Amino acid sequence: MVQYKTNYSRNILFQFLMLSVLTGFLLLLNHEFLINFYIKNQATNTGYIVNSSILGLFSLGIFRIIALLIRYNREENALSRFIKNVDNDELLPTERVNKKSLIYNRYTSVLEISKHNVAVNHSALASTLMATEATRLSLPRFISNILILTGVFGTIISLSIALVGASDIIDSADGISGMSIVIHGMSTALSTTATAIVCYLFFGYFYMKLTDVQTELLSGIEQATTLYIMPRFTYQTDSMLHEVGSLVKALHEAAGVMASTQVDFAEAGRNLSALTGNNAESLMRLSADIEEIKSLLRDGFRLSSD
């Protein structure tokens, strides 16, 4: 029996929906503070640019994660259908299975290799599939690695702006304009750092869950290959020896049954021989009795012996 979590990706999508709704509700409750913190009283466009870049990367990564979760949900359904077909002893296990699915491609690959009378290297197939699927996570992995760095980058830029403002304070007489730049730089540094941290926590959790979904799916495919596909088309030395051993055991049992049957036939032959002997003796006695009756009739009726 294949051990894997069915509809695992659907559960992660449901978690994403619930957490998104909760996050949107919290943002709506604090919208006035967020507007003042991110939009109003901005001396430069630095905060807009950096925060927009962070949110853009975050949105791109989330879109990719959702697309992969939907794809893996289809793969899980195809794997479930394949296993159900096998359990129901369907003539073709890939009946009603998506032809673009991973399990369908694995079945056709093993079938094609077996047609050429070549041993199927399960390890090579598993490594190839894992390498192929790993490339699908390259963009989310990249975004997960640099998302927190964008906040650090925004902090550095904002602190640079603050230092420029501090320089203006020193150089100018009043220093009011310079002080506003310093305050703006510190505020932008905090806003970009906070945005990057929140986005990283949200994105990092679902990226981790995406890798779990992928691992669970690939594990189910390899189990199905080992339990249901490989035994249909491949014959290894150990399996052949096991089959030969089973055949010898069956032949030994058949020979025992034949010996027992032979003994029964011999006993039946002896019984038949004894029965034939008894019938012969009965016929002889019957013949003697008939002769005696004939002799009595001749004597009684004074008949000639002719």
Protein backbone atom coordinates (compact mmCIF):
# COMPACT_ATOMS: atom_id res chain seq x y z
CA MET A 1 0.00 0.00 0.00
CA VAL A 2 1.38 3.40 -0.98
CA GLN A 3 1.80 5.68 2.04
CA TYR A 4 1.42 9.34 1.12
CA LYS A 5 -0.82 12.28 2.01
CA THR A 6 -3.62 12.63 -0.49
CA ASN A 7 -4.84 16.18 -1.22
CA TYR A 8 -1.90 17.60 0.71
CA SER A 9 -1.54 20.50 -1.72
CA ARG A 10 -5.25 21.30 -1.41
CA ASN A 11 -4.85 21.63 2.34
CA ILE A 12 -1.94 24.04 1.85
CA LEU A 13 -4.02 26.11 -0.57
CA PHE A 14 -6.79 26.26 2.02
CA GLN A 15 -4.27 27.42 4.64
CA PHE A 16 -3.05 30.09 2.23
CA LEU A 17 -6.60 31.31 1.68
CA MET A 18 -7.37 31.48 5.39
CA LEU A 19 -4.10 33.23 6.25
CA SER A 20 -4.59 35.70 3.39
CA VAL A 21 -8.07 36.54 4.63
CA LEU A 22 -6.75 37.02 8.16
CA THR A 23 -3.88 39.21 6.94
CA GLY A 24 -6.26 41.31 4.83
CA PHE A 25 -8.54 41.75 7.83
CA LEU A 26 -5.65 42.95 10.00
CA LEU A 27 -4.51 45.36 7.29
CA LEU A 28 -8.03 46.73 6.99
CA LEU A 29 -8.22 47.34 10.74
CA ASN A 30 -4.92 49.26 10.71
CA HIS A 31 -5.28 50.98 7.36
CA GLU A 32 -4.98 54.51 8.78
CA PHE A 33 -1.69 53.73 10.50
CA LEU A 34 -0.35 51.99 7.40
CA ILE A 35 -1.29 54.94 5.16
CA ASN A 36 0.50 57.35 7.47
CA PHE A 37 3.48 55.04 7.82
CA TYR A 38 3.98 54.14 4.16
CA ILE A 39 2.38 56.89 2.06
CA LYS A 40 1.96 60.21 3.79
CA ASN A 41 4.75 62.67 4.62
CA GLN A 42 7.35 61.02 2.38
CA ALA A 43 10.16 63.43 1.55
CA THR A 44 11.51 61.21 -1.26
CA ASN A 45 10.30 58.31 -3.40
CA THR A 46 12.77 55.87 -1.83
CA GLY A 47 10.17 54.20 0.37
CA TYR A 48 7.75 53.82 -2.52
CA ILE A 49 10.38 52.27 -4.76
CA VAL A 50 11.88 49.86 -2.22
CA ASN A 51 8.57 48.74 -0.70
CA SER A 52 7.04 48.32 -4.16
CA SER A 53 10.02 46.19 -5.19
CA ILE A 54 9.65 44.01 -2.10
CA LEU A 55 5.92 43.56 -2.66
CA GLY A 56 6.50 42.90 -6.36
CA LEU A 57 8.98 40.11 -5.62
CA PHE A 58 6.66 38.76 -2.96
CA SER A 59 3.65 38.75 -5.31
CA LEU A 60 5.65 37.06 -8.07
CA GLY A 61 6.84 34.33 -5.72
CA ILE A 62 3.36 33.78 -4.26
CA PHE A 63 1.88 33.50 -7.74
CA ARG A 64 4.48 30.86 -8.62
CA ILE A 65 3.84 28.93 -5.40
CA ILE A 66 0.07 28.91 -6.01
CA ALA A 67 0.58 27.71 -9.60
CA LEU A 68 2.83 24.87 -8.40
CA LEU A 69 0.40 23.88 -5.65
CA ILE A 70 -2.43 23.67 -8.19
CA ARG A 71 -0.22 21.58 -10.49
CA TYR A 72 0.75 19.21 -7.68
CA ASN A 73 -2.91 18.87 -6.74
CA ARG A 74 -3.57 17.54 -10.26
CA GLU A 75 -0.60 15.20 -9.89
CA GLU A 76 -1.97 13.87 -6.59
CA ASN A 77 -5.34 13.20 -8.23
CA ALA A 78 -3.64 11.34 -11.09
CA LEU A 79 -1.62 9.23 -8.64
CA SER A 80 -4.75 8.42 -6.65
CA ARG A 81 -6.55 7.36 -9.84
CA PHE A 82 -3.62 5.16 -10.87
CA ILE A 83 -3.52 3.40 -7.49
CA LYS A 84 -7.30 2.92 -7.55
CA ASN A 85 -7.07 1.36 -11.03
CA VAL A 86 -4.43 -1.07 -9.80
CA ASP A 87 -6.44 -1.98 -6.71
CA ASN A 88 -9.50 -2.58 -8.90
CA ASP A 89 -7.46 -4.84 -11.24
CA GLU A 90 -8.07 -2.65 -14.25
CA LEU A 91 -6.64 -4.01 -17.50
CA LEU A 92 -4.81 -0.72 -18.09
CA PRO A 93 -3.65 1.03 -14.87
CA THR A 94 -3.44 4.39 -16.67
CA GLU A 95 -7.15 4.38 -17.53
CA ARG A 96 -8.62 7.88 -16.97
CA VAL A 97 -5.22 9.15 -15.79
CA ASN A 98 -4.00 12.48 -17.16
CA LYS A 99 -1.49 11.78 -19.92
CA LYS A 100 0.63 14.75 -18.85
CA SER A 101 0.93 13.56 -15.27
CA LEU A 102 4.16 12.30 -13.72
CA ILE A 103 2.80 8.84 -12.87
CA TYR A 104 1.60 8.35 -16.45
CA ASN A 105 5.02 9.31 -17.81
CA ARG A 106 6.69 6.97 -15.32
CA TYR A 107 4.48 4.06 -16.39
CA THR A 108 5.06 4.66 -20.10
CA SER A 109 8.82 5.06 -19.52
CA VAL A 110 9.10 1.71 -17.74
CA LEU A 111 6.90 0.10 -20.40
CA GLU A 112 9.06 1.47 -23.22
CA ILE A 113 12.29 0.33 -21.56
CA SER A 114 10.92 -3.16 -20.94
CA LYS A 115 10.00 -3.51 -24.63
CA HIS A 116 13.72 -3.39 -25.45
CA ASN A 117 14.50 -6.16 -22.93
CA VAL A 118 16.67 -3.80 -20.89
CA ALA A 119 16.80 -3.74 -17.10
CA VAL A 120 14.96 -0.74 -15.67
CA ASN A 121 17.17 1.44 -13.46
CA HIS A 122 14.72 2.71 -10.89
CA SER A 123 17.34 4.88 -9.17
CA ALA A 124 18.12 6.69 -12.42
CA LEU A 125 14.42 7.36 -13.07
CA ALA A 126 13.94 8.69 -9.54
CA SER A 127 17.00 10.94 -9.75
CA THR A 128 15.91 12.33 -13.10
CA LEU A 129 12.42 13.10 -11.84
CA MET A 130 13.76 14.74 -8.70
CA ALA A 131 16.19 16.90 -10.68
CA THR A 132 13.45 17.95 -13.10
CA GLU A 133 11.03 18.90 -10.34
CA ALA A 134 13.75 20.73 -8.41
CA THR A 135 14.14 23.18 -11.29
CA ARG A 136 10.50 24.21 -10.86
CA LEU A 137 11.35 25.63 -7.44
CA SER A 138 14.23 27.78 -8.66
CA LEU A 139 12.23 31.03 -8.76
CA PRO A 140 10.58 30.61 -5.32
CA ARG A 141 13.95 29.57 -3.89
CA PHE A 142 15.63 32.65 -5.34
CA ILE A 143 12.92 34.97 -4.01
CA SER A 144 13.06 33.32 -0.59
CA ASN A 145 16.82 33.89 -0.46
CA ILE A 146 16.80 37.55 -1.51
CA LEU A 147 13.52 38.74 0.01
CA ILE A 148 15.02 39.57 3.39
CA LEU A 149 18.03 41.13 1.67
CA THR A 150 15.78 43.62 -0.10
CA GLY A 151 14.79 44.93 3.31
CA VAL A 152 18.43 45.23 4.28
CA PHE A 153 19.10 47.01 0.98
CA GLY A 154 16.25 49.44 1.66
CA THR A 155 17.59 50.03 5.16
CA ILE A 156 21.03 50.86 3.81
CA ILE A 157 19.61 53.30 1.27
CA SER A 158 17.41 54.92 3.89
CA LEU A 159 20.27 55.29 6.32
CA SER A 160 22.30 56.86 3.54
CA ILE A 161 19.49 59.38 3.04
CA ALA A 162 19.45 60.02 6.78
CA LEU A 163 23.20 60.67 6.73
CA VAL A 164 22.71 63.15 3.90
CA GLY A 165 20.11 64.91 6.04
CA ALA A 166 22.49 64.93 8.98
CA SER A 167 25.14 66.48 6.75
CA ASP A 168 22.66 69.19 5.77
CA ILE A 169 21.98 69.92 9.44
CA ILE A 170 25.66 70.42 10.06
CA ASP A 171 26.16 72.59 6.97
CA SER A 172 23.02 74.75 7.19
CA ALA A 173 22.14 77.38 9.70
CA ASP A 174 18.62 76.37 10.60
CA GLY A 175 18.84 72.59 9.84
CA ILE A 176 15.08 72.17 9.62
CA SER A 177 15.12 70.69 6.11
CA GLY A 178 17.99 68.43 7.05
CA MET A 179 16.14 67.18 10.11
CA SER A 180 13.12 66.23 7.99
CA ILE A 181 15.40 64.20 5.70
CA VAL A 182 16.91 62.42 8.70
CA ILE A 183 13.46 61.56 10.06
CA HIS A 184 12.32 60.44 6.61
CA GLY A 185 15.40 58.23 6.19
CA MET A 186 14.89 56.55 9.57
CA SER A 187 11.18 56.06 8.85
CA THR A 188 11.89 54.57 5.44
CA ALA A 189 14.51 52.24 6.93
CA LEU A 190 11.96 50.93 9.43
CA SER A 191 9.20 50.59 6.84
CA THR A 192 11.33 48.67 4.33
CA THR A 193 12.68 46.38 7.05
CA ALA A 194 9.20 45.69 8.42
CA THR A 195 7.81 45.01 4.93
CA ALA A 196 10.64 42.63 4.09
CA ILE A 197 10.33 40.72 7.38
CA VAL A 198 6.56 40.27 7.14
CA CYS A 199 6.76 39.20 3.48
CA TYR A 200 9.64 36.84 4.23
CA LEU A 201 7.77 35.14 7.08
CA PHE A 202 4.62 34.69 4.99
CA PHE A 203 6.50 33.60 1.87
CA GLY A 204 8.97 31.38 3.73
CA TYR A 205 6.21 29.37 5.39
CA PHE A 206 4.43 28.54 2.13
CA TYR A 207 7.70 27.91 0.31
CA MET A 208 8.53 25.34 2.99
CA LYS A 209 5.09 23.77 2.60
CA LEU A 210 5.56 23.69 -1.18
CA THR A 211 8.76 21.67 -0.77
CA ASP A 212 6.89 19.32 1.58
CA VAL A 213 4.15 18.83 -1.01
CA GLN A 214 6.73 18.09 -3.71
CA THR A 215 8.60 15.62 -1.49
CA GLU A 216 5.38 13.86 -0.51
CA LEU A 217 4.26 13.55 -4.14
CA LEU A 218 7.61 12.23 -5.38
CA SER A 219 7.66 9.75 -2.52
CA GLY A 220 4.22 8.48 -3.53
CA ILE A 221 5.30 8.12 -7.17
CA GLU A 222 8.41 6.14 -6.22
CA GLN A 223 6.38 3.88 -3.95
CA ALA A 224 3.84 3.26 -6.70
CA THR A 225 6.68 2.50 -9.10
CA THR A 226 8.22 0.00 -6.70
CA LEU A 227 4.98 -1.73 -5.72
CA TYR A 228 2.88 -1.62 -8.90
CA ILE A 229 4.95 -0.80 -11.99
CA MET A 230 8.32 -2.51 -11.62
CA PRO A 231 6.91 -6.00 -10.83
CA ARG A 232 4.88 -5.90 -14.07
CA PHE A 233 7.78 -5.40 -16.45
CA THR A 234 11.07 -6.23 -14.75
CA TYR A 235 12.67 -9.44 -13.51
CA GLN A 236 15.62 -9.20 -11.18
CA THR A 237 17.89 -12.05 -10.11
CA ASP A 238 16.46 -12.21 -6.62
CA SER A 239 12.88 -12.15 -7.88
CA MET A 240 13.61 -14.88 -10.42
CA LEU A 241 15.23 -17.07 -7.74
CA HIS A 242 12.19 -16.50 -5.58
CA GLU A 243 9.91 -17.51 -8.45
CA VAL A 244 12.03 -20.62 -9.13
CA GLY A 245 11.92 -21.51 -5.44
CA SER A 246 8.15 -21.14 -5.42
CA LEU A 247 7.92 -23.30 -8.55
CA VAL A 248 10.10 -26.04 -7.00
CA LYS A 249 7.98 -25.96 -3.87
CA ALA A 250 4.81 -26.30 -5.95
CA LEU A 251 6.34 -29.19 -7.92
CA HIS A 252 7.33 -30.91 -4.67
CA GLU A 253 3.77 -30.60 -3.41
CA ALA A 254 2.44 -31.91 -6.74
CA ALA A 255 4.82 -34.88 -6.56
CA GLY A 256 3.56 -35.67 -3.06
CA VAL A 257 -0.01 -35.56 -4.28
CA MET A 258 0.87 -37.82 -7.21
CA ALA A 259 2.58 -40.33 -4.89
CA SER A 260 -0.46 -40.38 -2.63
CA THR A 261 -2.69 -40.86 -5.67
CA GLN A 262 -0.49 -43.71 -6.87
CA VAL A 263 -0.83 -45.44 -3.51
CA ASP A 264 -4.59 -45.04 -3.72
CA PHE A 265 -4.59 -46.54 -7.23
CA ALA A 266 -2.49 -49.49 -6.07
CA GLU A 267 -4.88 -50.11 -3.20
CA ALA A 268 -7.83 -49.89 -5.60
CA GLY A 269 -6.09 -52.38 -7.91
CA ARG A 270 -5.59 -54.82 -5.07
CA ASN A 271 -9.21 -54.45 -4.05
CA LEU A 272 -10.31 -55.01 -7.66
CA SER A 273 -8.12 -58.10 -7.92
CA ALA A 274 -9.57 -59.51 -4.71
CA LEU A 275 -13.07 -58.74 -5.94
CA THR A 276 -12.36 -60.48 -9.25
CA GLY A 277 -11.05 -63.55 -7.39
CA ASN A 278 -14.18 -63.64 -5.25
CA ASN A 279 -16.36 -63.40 -8.34
CA ALA A 280 -14.47 -66.27 -9.98
CA GLU A 281 -14.95 -68.49 -6.91
CA SER A 282 -18.66 -67.60 -6.84
CA LEU A 283 -19.00 -68.49 -10.52
CA MET A 284 -17.28 -71.82 -9.94
CA ARG A 285 -19.57 -72.65 -7.04
CA LEU A 286 -22.57 -71.57 -9.12
CA SER A 287 -21.45 -73.82 -11.97
CA ALA A 288 -21.06 -76.78 -9.58
CA ASP A 289 -24.50 -76.14 -8.13
CA ILE A 290 -26.02 -76.03 -11.64
CA GLU A 291 -24.40 -79.38 -12.50
CA GLU A 292 -25.71 -80.87 -9.29
CA ILE A 293 -29.23 -79.62 -10.08
CA LYS A 294 -29.02 -81.05 -13.57
CA SER A 295 -27.90 -84.41 -12.16
CA LEU A 296 -30.81 -84.47 -9.69
CA LEU A 297 -33.28 -83.65 -12.48
CA ARG A 298 -31.98 -86.48 -14.66
CA ASP A 299 -32.19 -88.93 -11.83
CA GLY A 300 -35.67 -87.81 -10.80
CA PHE A 301 -37.14 -87.92 -14.27
CA ARG A 302 -35.03 -90.95 -15.39
CA LEU A 303 -33.56 -89.01 -18.25
CA SER A 304 -30.61 -90.10 -20.21
CA SER A 305 -27.30 -88.37 -19.59
CA ASP A 306 -27.16 -87.21 -23.25
